[in-house]
Amino acid sequence: MLTSESSTYFIEVENGNIECLQLGNGPKLLICLHGFGDNVNLFREIAPAWTDDYTLVSFSLPYHGNTEWKPSHFSSRNIREIIDSILKKYDQERFSILGYSMGGKITMYCVQKYYSDQIDRMILCASDGLKTHTLYDVSKLPRWYLELMMILMRFPKLMFKVVGFIYNRGLLSKFLYDFFMNHFETEKQRRRFFGTATSSRFMKPDLNKIADIVNQNKIPVDMYFGERDEVILIDGAVKFSKKINNVRFFQLQKGHLLIDEDLCKLMSEN
C-alpha cells in the first residue's frame, strides 16, 4: 500500500544512506532522478501536477543533498539497489520514472538495463544522454584530465586565480566560469564533481535499444526540452523522439533550467 505521508526519510543501502522525499499519496508511483548539483527538493515545483494520481518519490544521488555515500564512485547497480528499495517500501512492482538532466541519462540507462518490463511511463526533462554540448559533458572528459584536475585542486586558491584570469580575458564562457565557481569551492563540492564525473561515464544509454524497448513495451514517453538550452542540444532530443511510437514532445522557451512552476502548469494541462 502507498502511504499517505509526505515527508523526507532515508533508505539504508550497502554503501550509504539515501535521502528520499515523498510528495503526495496517489495510487501510482513516480520515481524522480535529479541532475548534477541538485537534490530531492528540485521536484517540489512540479509535484502538484502529479500528486492527484501519483505518489512522487525523489532521492538525492550519491554526493548530493543529504545522501551519505562512502565509496569514491557509484554504479548503475547502486542506482538499481536504491530504486528496488523504494519499490519494496511502497510495495510496488511497476512504476513511472522521470529524469532531469544527468538524471535523465541515468533513467534511460536503468530502464535499458534493469526495468524494461516494469515501466508505465517515462518522462525526460532536458535529459542528458541524447546530445550534450561537448563543453558540458563531464562523462566524456578523459581520465587523465580528471586526474590532473584532482591534483590541481589540492591548491584551490591558485586554481580560482587561474580560472578568474582566463575568464577576465574572454577565454572562458560565463556558464563555465559560474559552474567552476559554484561547484569547486569546498571539498564536498569537489568530491561531488569528481565522483559524479567518474561514475556517469559508465552509464551511457544505447538510444536505439531504448527506442526498441519503449516501442516493444508500449511505454508512453513525455519529453520536455528548452529551445535555448546550451547544455542539452534540442536537435538530439528531436531526433530521438522520432524513433519512438508513443511520444509527446514539448519545446519550451527556456534554457536548461526547466523544473519550475511553468513546467508544472504545462504538465498539469497535458
Protein backbone atom coordinates (compact mmCIF):
# COMPACT_ATOMS: atom_id res chain seq x y z
CA MET A 1 0.00 0.00 0.00
CA LEU A 2 1.16 3.54 -0.76
CA THR A 3 1.25 5.62 2.38
CA SER A 4 -0.47 8.98 2.87
CA GLU A 5 2.63 10.56 4.41
CA SER A 6 4.58 13.28 2.59
CA SER A 7 8.00 13.59 4.16
CA THR A 8 11.75 13.20 3.93
CA TYR A 9 13.23 9.88 5.01
CA PHE A 10 16.37 7.80 4.47
CA ILE A 11 16.92 4.38 2.90
CA GLU A 12 19.96 2.43 4.02
CA VAL A 13 21.78 0.58 1.24
CA GLU A 14 25.11 -1.24 1.09
CA ASN A 15 27.30 1.81 0.50
CA GLY A 16 25.39 4.63 2.16
CA ASN A 17 22.27 6.29 3.45
CA ILE A 18 20.00 7.70 0.73
CA GLU A 19 17.89 10.82 1.26
CA CYS A 20 14.37 10.41 -0.14
CA LEU A 21 11.40 12.75 -0.41
CA GLN A 22 7.78 11.66 -0.78
CA LEU A 23 5.20 14.10 -2.15
CA GLY A 24 1.53 13.17 -2.41
CA ASN A 25 -0.19 9.85 -1.93
CA GLY A 26 -1.68 8.89 -5.29
CA PRO A 27 -2.25 5.23 -6.16
CA LYS A 28 0.63 5.03 -8.69
CA LEU A 29 4.34 5.54 -8.07
CA LEU A 30 6.55 8.10 -9.85
CA ILE A 31 10.29 7.96 -9.08
CA CYS A 32 12.30 11.10 -9.96
CA LEU A 33 16.04 11.48 -10.60
CA HIS A 34 17.60 14.95 -10.43
CA GLY A 35 20.57 16.47 -12.23
CA PHE A 36 24.09 17.36 -11.18
CA GLY A 37 24.22 19.73 -8.21
CA ASP A 38 20.52 19.25 -7.36
CA ASN A 39 18.75 17.24 -4.64
CA VAL A 40 15.35 15.79 -3.71
CA ASN A 41 13.76 19.22 -3.33
CA LEU A 42 14.09 20.02 -7.04
CA PHE A 43 10.80 18.26 -7.78
CA ARG A 44 8.65 20.14 -5.27
CA GLU A 45 7.92 22.66 -8.03
CA ILE A 46 6.24 20.12 -10.32
CA ALA A 47 4.67 17.85 -7.68
CA PRO A 48 1.19 19.46 -7.90
CA ALA A 49 0.90 18.24 -11.49
CA TRP A 50 1.25 14.62 -10.39
CA THR A 51 0.13 14.07 -6.83
CA ASP A 52 -3.58 13.52 -7.55
CA ASP A 53 -2.70 10.29 -9.36
CA TYR A 54 0.80 9.53 -8.12
CA THR A 55 2.96 9.25 -5.07
CA LEU A 56 6.06 11.13 -6.18
CA VAL A 57 9.36 9.92 -4.68
CA SER A 58 12.69 11.57 -5.41
CA PHE A 59 16.08 10.64 -3.98
CA SER A 60 19.37 12.51 -3.72
CA LEU A 61 22.02 10.81 -5.81
CA PRO A 62 25.38 9.91 -4.22
CA TYR A 63 27.37 13.05 -3.24
CA HIS A 64 24.19 15.16 -3.45
CA GLY A 65 21.79 16.61 -0.90
CA ASN A 66 21.88 14.86 2.45
CA THR A 67 22.71 11.45 1.00
CA GLU A 68 25.73 9.88 2.71
CA TRP A 69 27.90 7.88 0.32
CA LYS A 70 31.11 6.05 1.25
CA PRO A 71 32.88 4.97 -1.99
CA SER A 72 34.57 7.32 -4.46
CA HIS A 73 32.14 6.34 -7.23
CA PHE A 74 28.73 4.74 -7.83
CA SER A 75 27.38 2.40 -10.49
CA SER A 76 24.07 1.60 -12.15
CA ARG A 77 23.83 -1.39 -9.80
CA ASN A 78 23.84 1.06 -6.87
CA ILE A 79 21.02 3.05 -8.50
CA ARG A 80 19.12 -0.19 -9.05
CA GLU A 81 19.51 -1.05 -5.36
CA ILE A 82 18.06 2.34 -4.40
CA ILE A 83 15.10 2.05 -6.80
CA ASP A 84 14.42 -1.54 -5.72
CA SER A 85 14.41 -0.38 -2.09
CA ILE A 86 11.85 2.31 -2.94
CA LEU A 87 9.67 -0.22 -4.77
CA LYS A 88 9.84 -2.52 -1.76
CA LYS A 89 8.96 0.28 0.66
CA TYR A 90 5.81 1.13 -1.30
CA ASP A 91 5.01 -2.49 -2.19
CA GLN A 92 5.06 -1.76 -5.93
CA GLU A 93 6.33 -3.76 -8.89
CA ARG A 94 5.54 -1.25 -11.65
CA PHE A 95 6.30 2.46 -11.65
CA SER A 96 6.78 5.56 -13.78
CA ILE A 97 10.11 7.35 -13.89
CA LEU A 98 11.17 10.94 -14.50
CA GLY A 99 14.72 12.09 -15.12
CA TYR A 100 16.08 15.62 -15.38
CA SER A 101 19.45 16.44 -16.96
CA MET A 102 22.01 13.89 -15.69
CA GLY A 103 19.11 12.07 -14.02
CA GLY A 104 17.57 11.56 -17.47
CA LYS A 105 20.70 9.79 -18.68
CA ILE A 106 20.71 7.53 -15.61
CA THR A 107 16.97 6.96 -16.07
CA MET A 108 17.35 5.75 -19.65
CA TYR A 109 20.31 3.54 -18.81
CA CYS A 110 18.49 1.88 -15.91
CA VAL A 111 15.34 1.35 -17.99
CA GLN A 112 17.50 -0.24 -20.68
CA LYS A 113 19.43 -2.49 -18.30
CA TYR A 114 17.02 -3.35 -15.47
CA TYR A 115 13.42 -2.17 -15.78
CA SER A 116 12.28 -2.58 -19.38
CA ASP A 117 9.14 -4.52 -18.39
CA GLN A 118 8.25 -2.56 -15.22
CA ILE A 119 7.82 0.98 -16.53
CA ASP A 120 4.38 2.55 -17.01
CA ARG A 121 5.62 5.94 -18.26
CA MET A 122 8.97 7.64 -18.85
CA ILE A 123 9.38 11.42 -18.62
CA LEU A 124 12.58 13.09 -19.82
CA CYS A 125 13.27 16.74 -18.94
CA ALA A 126 16.31 18.39 -20.56
CA SER A 127 17.78 14.90 -20.45
CA ASP A 128 21.47 14.18 -20.75
CA GLY A 129 22.40 11.12 -22.80
CA LEU A 130 20.86 12.38 -26.05
CA LYS A 131 23.08 15.16 -27.37
CA THR A 132 25.09 17.13 -24.83
CA HIS A 133 27.29 20.06 -25.77
CA THR A 134 30.89 18.85 -25.69
CA LEU A 135 31.96 21.56 -23.25
CA TYR A 136 29.44 20.40 -20.63
CA ASP A 137 29.62 16.61 -20.98
CA VAL A 138 31.64 15.56 -17.92
CA SER A 139 31.24 11.88 -18.84
CA LYS A 140 33.46 12.44 -21.90
CA LEU A 141 36.29 14.10 -20.02
CA PRO A 142 39.40 11.90 -20.44
CA ARG A 143 40.60 10.11 -17.34
CA TRP A 144 43.99 11.86 -17.45
CA TYR A 145 42.18 15.23 -17.38
CA LEU A 146 40.18 14.27 -14.30
CA GLU A 147 43.31 13.01 -12.56
CA LEU A 148 45.15 16.23 -13.45
CA MET A 149 42.23 18.27 -12.11
CA MET A 150 42.30 16.28 -8.88
CA ILE A 151 45.98 17.13 -8.43
CA LEU A 152 45.48 20.81 -9.25
CA MET A 153 42.51 21.09 -6.89
CA ARG A 154 44.85 20.39 -3.99
CA PHE A 155 45.70 24.06 -4.48
CA PRO A 156 42.20 25.58 -4.81
CA LYS A 157 43.24 29.20 -4.20
CA LEU A 158 45.68 29.04 -7.09
CA MET A 159 43.07 27.33 -9.31
CA PHE A 160 40.49 30.05 -8.63
CA LYS A 161 43.03 32.73 -9.54
CA VAL A 162 43.91 30.95 -12.79
CA VAL A 163 40.25 30.48 -13.75
CA GLY A 164 39.50 34.13 -12.96
CA PHE A 165 42.47 35.22 -15.07
CA ILE A 166 41.27 33.13 -18.04
CA TYR A 167 37.66 34.35 -17.67
CA ASN A 168 38.63 38.03 -17.47
CA ARG A 169 40.43 37.70 -20.80
CA GLY A 170 37.38 36.29 -22.53
CA LEU A 171 38.77 32.79 -22.94
CA LEU A 172 36.10 31.11 -20.81
CA SER A 173 32.30 31.35 -21.10
CA LYS A 174 30.29 32.79 -18.21
CA PHE A 175 28.46 29.47 -17.88
CA LEU A 176 31.71 27.54 -17.37
CA TYR A 177 33.07 30.23 -15.08
CA ASP A 178 29.93 30.16 -12.91
CA PHE A 179 29.97 26.36 -12.98
CA PHE A 180 33.54 26.28 -11.68
CA MET A 181 32.92 28.89 -9.00
CA ASN A 182 29.75 27.14 -7.80
CA HIS A 183 31.00 23.54 -7.82
CA PHE A 184 34.64 23.59 -6.75
CA GLU A 185 34.74 25.94 -3.78
CA THR A 186 34.51 23.35 -0.98
CA GLU A 187 35.97 19.88 -0.54
CA LYS A 188 32.43 18.43 -0.54
CA GLN A 189 31.67 20.09 -3.87
CA ARG A 190 34.92 18.84 -5.40
CA ARG A 191 34.21 15.28 -4.24
CA ARG A 192 30.73 15.55 -5.76
CA PHE A 193 32.11 16.62 -9.13
CA PHE A 194 34.88 14.03 -9.41
CA GLY A 195 32.71 11.22 -8.02
CA THR A 196 29.89 12.03 -10.41
CA ALA A 197 32.16 12.53 -13.43
CA THR A 198 33.89 9.20 -12.79
CA SER A 199 30.60 7.34 -12.29
CA SER A 200 28.44 8.79 -15.07
CA ARG A 201 30.91 7.92 -17.82
CA PHE A 202 29.90 4.24 -17.40
CA MET A 203 26.16 4.86 -17.76
CA LYS A 204 25.73 5.63 -21.43
CA PRO A 205 22.32 4.61 -22.79
CA ASP A 206 22.07 2.97 -26.21
CA LEU A 207 19.38 5.14 -27.81
CA ASN A 208 18.41 2.54 -30.41
CA LYS A 209 17.94 -0.09 -27.70
CA ILE A 210 15.96 2.38 -25.57
CA ALA A 211 13.65 3.13 -28.52
CA ASP A 212 13.16 -0.59 -29.18
CA ILE A 213 12.35 -1.26 -25.50
CA VAL A 214 9.92 1.65 -25.33
CA ASN A 215 8.15 0.62 -28.55
CA GLN A 216 8.03 -3.11 -27.77
CA ASN A 217 6.62 -2.50 -24.30
CA LYS A 218 4.35 0.35 -25.49
CA ILE A 219 5.73 2.74 -22.87
CA PRO A 220 4.40 6.31 -23.24
CA VAL A 221 7.21 8.87 -23.26
CA ASP A 222 6.91 12.58 -22.48
CA MET A 223 9.83 14.83 -23.43
CA TYR A 224 10.29 18.42 -22.22
CA PHE A 225 13.22 20.39 -23.65
CA GLY A 226 14.30 24.02 -23.76
CA GLU A 227 14.86 25.72 -27.09
CA ARG A 228 17.62 27.89 -25.59
CA ASP A 229 19.34 25.06 -23.71
CA GLU A 230 23.11 25.45 -24.20
CA VAL A 231 23.87 22.23 -22.29
CA ILE A 232 21.50 19.71 -23.90
CA LEU A 233 21.12 20.38 -27.62
CA ILE A 234 17.47 20.12 -28.64
CA ASP A 235 18.12 18.66 -32.10
CA GLY A 236 19.40 15.46 -30.48
CA ALA A 237 16.20 15.20 -28.44
CA VAL A 238 14.05 15.75 -31.55
CA LYS A 239 15.98 13.07 -33.43
CA PHE A 240 15.50 10.58 -30.59
CA SER A 241 11.77 11.38 -30.31
CA LYS A 242 11.26 10.34 -33.94
CA LYS A 243 12.35 6.80 -33.05
CA ILE A 244 9.51 6.43 -30.54
CA ASN A 245 5.94 5.48 -31.43
CA ASN A 246 4.10 6.83 -28.39
CA VAL A 247 5.80 10.13 -27.59
CA ARG A 248 4.73 13.66 -26.73
CA PHE A 249 7.38 16.29 -27.33
CA PHE A 250 7.20 19.73 -25.71
CA GLN A 251 9.54 22.60 -26.61
CA LEU A 252 9.76 25.35 -24.02
CA GLN A 253 11.05 28.89 -24.45
CA LYS A 254 13.68 28.22 -21.80
CA GLY A 255 17.28 27.21 -21.27
CA HIS A 256 18.47 24.21 -19.28
CA LEU A 257 16.65 25.10 -16.04
CA LEU A 258 13.24 23.59 -16.75
CA ILE A 259 11.91 22.40 -13.39
CA ASP A 260 9.71 25.28 -12.28
CA GLU A 261 6.10 26.48 -11.98
CA ASP A 262 5.79 26.93 -15.74
CA LEU A 263 6.68 23.30 -16.35
CA CYS A 264 4.26 22.27 -13.61
CA LYS A 265 1.47 24.14 -15.38
CA LEU A 266 2.34 22.54 -18.72
CA MET A 267 2.41 19.08 -17.18
CA SER A 268 -0.94 19.69 -15.48
CA GLU A 269 -2.53 20.72 -18.77
CA ASN A 270 -1.26 17.60 -20.51
